[in-house]
């Protein structure tokens, strides 16, 4: 009996210790996410914060000036690249995108008014946008060609070359726009480094991230084996796992209700 009590007590201590570790780790993760949100950066941007090393004491005054100029230069460089990348997007992709959105919204309202099954009709919008773009994009290129033919001094081969180059420019605008969204997100960390208080907070983040990685991996290695198939299995059937979980919870509810009924019957007999 005493051995059983000792084993139960030890297991309860282990469970309490594991729960405490998880709560502490969860608190640190929440604080880390809050710090990222306050500074306006993402987690994938943190590893690059420790690449800039502090200038040694014996460095010259010119090194200090160059170090201070580097951040504003990076910000201006990103803004110039975004401005240049926006040129094909503004003239080739944006007009078609705006018109396609307006057209698909009108078609959605018409389809929603005619249908008795649709709730919002968002499934119609993508199809209508594709159909509209298939017609509008070549029409826009021809429209630009007519403008160059009537309002410029370009000869025929030059106008033909411009029209044939528009598909390449449109595709380039799409690719550069996707990369430009990443650059817009990268501007905020550079801007925050201009302030001394934020710079100190940013320099601490890589160390905090590494510590959280180590602690999270050790916690998963310690708790993971208790999950059985979910931890050791290479290919998991999540539908089957969820079905087992539902059956287990249903059986637990039935057993608990039966135990409650039995206790109530016992009280009535007494």
Protein backbone atom coordinates (compact mmCIF):
# COMPACT_ATOMS: atom_id res chain seq x y z
CA UNK A 1 0.00 0.00 0.00
CA UNK A 2 2.81 2.36 0.91
CA UNK A 3 4.61 1.55 -2.37
CA UNK A 4 1.46 2.35 -4.32
CA UNK A 5 1.07 5.65 -2.50
CA UNK A 6 4.73 6.49 -3.16
CA UNK A 7 4.39 5.70 -6.89
CA UNK A 8 1.19 7.73 -7.14
CA UNK A 9 2.79 10.62 -5.29
CA UNK A 10 5.88 10.54 -7.53
CA UNK A 11 3.75 10.45 -10.69
CA UNK A 12 1.68 13.35 -9.44
CA UNK A 13 4.88 15.30 -8.76
CA UNK A 14 6.09 14.52 -12.30
CA UNK A 15 2.78 15.62 -13.81
CA UNK A 16 2.80 18.82 -11.75
CA UNK A 17 6.39 19.52 -12.81
CA UNK A 18 5.54 18.90 -16.47
CA UNK A 19 2.51 21.15 -16.23
CA UNK A 20 4.58 23.88 -14.62
CA UNK A 21 7.24 23.61 -17.34
CA UNK A 22 4.60 23.85 -20.05
CA UNK A 23 2.91 26.86 -18.43
CA UNK A 24 6.26 28.60 -18.04
CA UNK A 25 7.21 27.82 -21.65
CA UNK A 26 3.79 29.02 -22.83
CA UNK A 27 4.22 32.28 -20.91
CA UNK A 28 7.61 32.86 -22.52
CA UNK A 29 6.20 32.16 -25.98
CA UNK A 30 3.36 34.61 -25.41
CA UNK A 31 5.82 37.27 -24.21
CA UNK A 32 8.01 36.65 -27.26
CA UNK A 33 5.05 36.99 -29.64
CA UNK A 34 3.94 40.15 -27.84
CA UNK A 35 7.43 41.64 -28.21
CA UNK A 36 7.42 40.83 -31.94
CA UNK A 37 4.00 42.42 -32.31
CA UNK A 38 5.07 45.56 -30.43
CA UNK A 39 8.17 45.92 -32.61
CA UNK A 40 6.20 45.18 -35.79
CA UNK A 41 8.39 42.33 -37.10
CA UNK A 42 7.91 38.66 -37.92
CA UNK A 43 9.62 35.62 -36.43
CA UNK A 44 11.50 34.79 -39.65
CA UNK A 45 13.12 38.24 -39.52
CA UNK A 46 14.64 37.68 -36.07
CA UNK A 47 17.66 35.51 -37.12
CA UNK A 48 18.96 38.35 -39.29
CA UNK A 49 19.02 40.83 -36.41
CA UNK A 50 22.28 39.50 -34.91
CA UNK A 51 24.26 39.80 -38.15
CA UNK A 52 25.22 43.37 -37.43
CA UNK A 53 27.99 43.42 -34.87
CA UNK A 54 28.75 46.40 -32.74
CA UNK A 55 31.57 48.60 -33.89
CA UNK A 56 34.71 48.09 -31.76
CA UNK A 57 35.97 50.89 -29.56
CA UNK A 58 39.04 51.48 -31.69
CA UNK A 59 37.02 51.94 -34.87
CA UNK A 60 37.44 55.17 -36.71
CA UNK A 61 34.90 57.95 -36.91
CA UNK A 62 34.26 57.10 -40.54
CA UNK A 63 33.15 53.58 -39.63
CA UNK A 64 30.69 55.02 -37.14
CA UNK A 65 29.26 57.36 -39.78
CA UNK A 66 28.95 54.58 -42.34
CA UNK A 67 27.24 52.36 -39.80
CA UNK A 68 24.67 55.07 -39.08
CA UNK A 69 24.11 55.74 -42.80
CA UNK A 70 23.59 52.06 -43.64
CA UNK A 71 20.06 51.80 -42.25
CA UNK A 72 18.67 54.90 -43.99
CA UNK A 73 20.32 53.73 -47.22
CA UNK A 74 18.62 50.33 -46.97
CA UNK A 75 15.25 51.99 -46.38
CA UNK A 76 15.65 54.34 -49.34
CA UNK A 77 16.89 51.48 -51.54
CA UNK A 78 13.80 49.38 -50.74
CA UNK A 79 11.49 52.30 -51.47
CA UNK A 80 13.15 53.02 -54.83
CA UNK A 81 12.96 49.37 -55.86
CA UNK A 82 9.27 49.26 -54.92
CA UNK A 83 8.60 52.44 -56.89
CA UNK A 84 10.28 51.04 -60.01
CA UNK A 85 8.49 47.71 -59.62
CA UNK A 86 5.14 49.50 -59.34
CA UNK A 87 5.35 50.95 -62.88
CA UNK A 88 4.30 47.81 -64.85
CA UNK A 89 1.80 46.92 -62.13
CA UNK A 90 0.08 50.31 -62.25
CA UNK A 91 -0.26 50.45 -66.05
CA UNK A 92 -0.81 46.79 -66.97
CA UNK A 93 -2.16 44.81 -64.01
CA UNK A 94 -3.92 47.25 -61.68
CA UNK A 95 -6.56 48.58 -64.16
CA UNK A 96 -7.56 45.07 -65.16
CA UNK A 97 -7.62 43.95 -61.52
CA UNK A 98 -9.92 46.80 -60.46
CA UNK A 99 -12.30 46.32 -63.39
CA UNK A 100 -12.34 42.54 -62.86
CA UNK A 101 -13.29 43.03 -59.20
CA UNK A 102 -16.15 45.38 -60.09
CA UNK A 103 -17.41 43.13 -62.88
CA UNK A 104 -17.29 39.96 -60.77
CA UNK A 105 -19.16 41.71 -57.94
CA UNK A 106 -21.99 42.65 -60.30
CA UNK A 107 -22.13 39.11 -61.66
CA UNK A 108 -22.18 37.74 -58.11
CA UNK A 109 -25.20 39.88 -57.21
CA UNK A 110 -27.05 38.78 -60.34
CA UNK A 111 -26.29 35.10 -59.72
CA UNK A 112 -27.31 35.45 -56.08
CA UNK A 113 -30.61 37.06 -57.05
CA UNK A 114 -31.42 34.27 -59.52
CA UNK A 115 -30.33 31.34 -57.36
CA UNK A 116 -32.28 29.83 -54.45
CA UNK A 117 -29.33 27.80 -53.17
CA UNK A 118 -26.43 30.26 -53.00
CA UNK A 119 -25.84 32.04 -49.70
CA UNK A 120 -23.23 34.61 -50.75
CA UNK A 121 -22.21 33.53 -54.25
CA UNK A 122 -18.47 33.97 -53.82
CA UNK A 123 -17.85 30.88 -55.98
CA UNK A 124 -18.99 32.87 -59.01
CA UNK A 125 -16.47 35.68 -58.57
CA UNK A 126 -13.30 33.73 -59.40
CA UNK A 127 -14.80 32.32 -62.60
CA UNK A 128 -16.04 35.72 -63.70
CA UNK A 129 -12.65 37.33 -62.95
CA UNK A 130 -10.85 34.76 -65.10
CA UNK A 131 -13.28 35.21 -68.00
CA UNK A 132 -13.05 38.99 -67.74
CA UNK A 133 -9.25 39.01 -67.64
CA UNK A 134 -9.03 36.74 -70.69
CA UNK A 135 -10.81 39.47 -72.67
CA UNK A 136 -9.67 42.63 -70.87
CA UNK A 137 -5.90 42.03 -70.84
CA UNK A 138 -5.44 41.72 -74.65
CA UNK A 139 -7.91 44.58 -75.12
CA UNK A 140 -5.81 46.77 -72.82
CA UNK A 141 -2.68 45.97 -74.82
CA UNK A 142 -4.43 46.85 -78.08
CA UNK A 143 -5.72 50.08 -76.49
CA UNK A 144 -2.17 51.08 -75.53
CA UNK A 145 -1.05 50.23 -79.06
CA UNK A 146 -3.71 52.51 -80.54
CA UNK A 147 -2.67 55.31 -78.20
CA UNK A 148 0.93 54.98 -79.34
CA UNK A 149 -0.15 54.84 -82.99
CA UNK A 150 -2.28 58.01 -82.87
CA UNK A 151 -0.60 60.14 -80.22
CA UNK A 152 3.11 59.36 -80.65
CA UNK A 153 5.67 59.46 -83.45
CA UNK A 154 6.62 55.78 -83.07
CA UNK A 155 6.90 53.78 -86.27
CA UNK A 156 5.19 50.44 -86.87
CA UNK A 157 8.02 48.12 -85.72
CA UNK A 158 8.46 50.09 -82.48
CA UNK A 159 4.74 49.91 -81.67
CA UNK A 160 4.68 46.19 -82.48
CA UNK A 161 7.69 45.61 -80.25
CA UNK A 162 6.01 47.49 -77.38
CA UNK A 163 2.79 45.48 -77.72
CA UNK A 164 4.67 42.17 -77.90
CA UNK A 165 6.69 43.16 -74.82
CA UNK A 166 3.61 43.87 -72.71
CA UNK A 167 3.01 40.20 -71.72
CA UNK A 168 6.58 40.02 -70.40
CA UNK A 169 6.15 43.30 -68.52
CA UNK A 170 2.83 42.14 -67.04
CA UNK A 171 4.35 38.87 -65.84
CA UNK A 172 7.34 40.73 -64.43
CA UNK A 173 4.98 43.08 -62.61
CA UNK A 174 3.21 40.16 -60.93
CA UNK A 175 6.45 38.53 -59.78
CA UNK A 176 7.94 41.79 -58.58
CA UNK A 177 4.73 42.69 -56.73
CA UNK A 178 4.93 39.47 -54.75
CA UNK A 179 8.56 40.21 -53.88
CA UNK A 180 7.62 43.80 -53.12
CA UNK A 181 5.18 42.71 -50.42
CA UNK A 182 8.08 40.96 -48.67
CA UNK A 183 10.19 44.11 -48.99
CA UNK A 184 7.41 46.20 -47.45
CA UNK A 185 7.40 43.92 -44.41
CA UNK A 186 11.20 44.19 -44.19
CA UNK A 187 11.12 47.99 -44.05
CA UNK A 188 9.70 48.03 -40.52
CA UNK A 189 12.69 46.30 -38.82
CA UNK A 190 15.11 48.69 -40.56
CA UNK A 191 13.01 51.63 -39.46
CA UNK A 192 12.84 50.39 -35.87
CA UNK A 193 16.63 50.08 -35.72
CA UNK A 194 16.94 53.83 -36.09
CA UNK A 195 15.72 54.27 -32.50
CA UNK A 196 18.22 53.34 -29.74
CA UNK A 197 15.56 51.88 -27.42
CA UNK A 198 14.12 49.64 -30.13
CA UNK A 199 17.62 48.66 -31.26
CA UNK A 200 18.40 47.28 -27.80
CA UNK A 201 15.17 45.29 -27.79
CA UNK A 202 15.85 43.93 -31.26
CA UNK A 203 19.37 42.81 -30.34
CA UNK A 204 18.00 40.64 -27.50
CA UNK A 205 15.43 38.83 -29.65
CA UNK A 206 17.80 36.34 -31.42
CA UNK A 207 19.05 35.03 -28.06
CA UNK A 208 15.48 34.67 -26.74
CA UNK A 209 14.47 32.83 -29.91
CA UNK A 210 17.35 30.35 -29.63
CA UNK A 211 16.54 29.64 -25.99
CA UNK A 212 12.89 29.05 -26.83
CA UNK A 213 13.88 26.67 -29.63
CA UNK A 214 16.06 24.60 -27.31
CA UNK A 215 13.46 24.48 -24.54
CA UNK A 216 10.62 23.63 -26.92
CA UNK A 217 12.55 20.77 -28.53
CA UNK A 218 13.52 19.32 -25.14
CA UNK A 219 9.93 19.59 -23.95
CA UNK A 220 8.63 17.80 -27.06
CA UNK A 221 11.23 15.04 -26.62
CA UNK A 222 10.19 14.59 -23.00
CA UNK A 223 6.41 14.65 -23.54
CA UNK A 224 6.23 13.26 -27.09
CA UNK A 225 6.63 9.53 -26.32
CA UNK A 226 3.43 9.63 -24.26
CA UNK A 227 1.50 10.47 -27.45
CA UNK A 228 2.37 7.09 -28.96
CA UNK A 229 1.51 6.84 -32.65
CA UNK A 230 1.26 10.60 -33.11
CA UNK A 231 4.90 10.99 -32.00
CA UNK A 232 6.49 7.87 -33.52
CA UNK A 233 4.38 7.39 -36.64
CA UNK A 234 5.82 8.55 -39.95
CA UNK A 235 2.52 8.51 -41.86
CA UNK A 236 -0.53 9.46 -39.82
CA UNK A 237 -4.19 9.03 -40.67
CA UNK A 238 -5.63 12.05 -38.89
CA UNK A 239 -9.20 11.10 -39.73
CA UNK A 240 -8.74 7.76 -37.94
CA UNK A 241 -7.01 9.46 -35.00
CA UNK A 242 -9.85 11.95 -34.65
CA UNK A 243 -12.39 9.13 -34.85
CA UNK A 244 -10.60 7.27 -32.05
CA UNK A 245 -10.51 10.46 -29.99
CA UNK A 246 -14.24 11.02 -30.48
CA UNK A 247 -15.03 7.42 -29.52
CA UNK A 248 -12.81 7.68 -26.44
CA UNK A 249 -14.46 10.91 -25.32
CA UNK A 250 -17.91 9.41 -25.95
CA UNK A 251 -17.07 6.30 -23.91
CA UNK A 252 -15.69 8.48 -21.13
CA UNK A 253 -18.88 10.54 -21.04
CA UNK A 254 -21.00 7.37 -20.92
CA UNK A 255 -18.92 5.86 -18.13
CA UNK A 256 -19.03 9.09 -16.13
CA UNK A 257 -22.81 9.34 -16.57
CA UNK A 258 -23.22 5.69 -15.51
CA UNK A 259 -21.06 6.31 -12.45
CA UNK A 260 -23.16 9.36 -11.59
CA UNK A 261 -26.40 7.36 -11.95
CA UNK A 262 -24.98 4.57 -9.80
CA UNK A 263 -24.00 7.02 -7.07
CA UNK A 264 -27.47 8.58 -7.16
CA UNK A 265 -29.09 5.14 -6.86
CA UNK A 266 -26.82 4.33 -3.93
CA UNK A 267 -27.84 7.53 -2.20
CA UNK A 268 -31.53 6.71 -2.75
CA UNK A 269 -31.09 3.20 -1.29
CA UNK A 270 -29.29 4.61 1.75
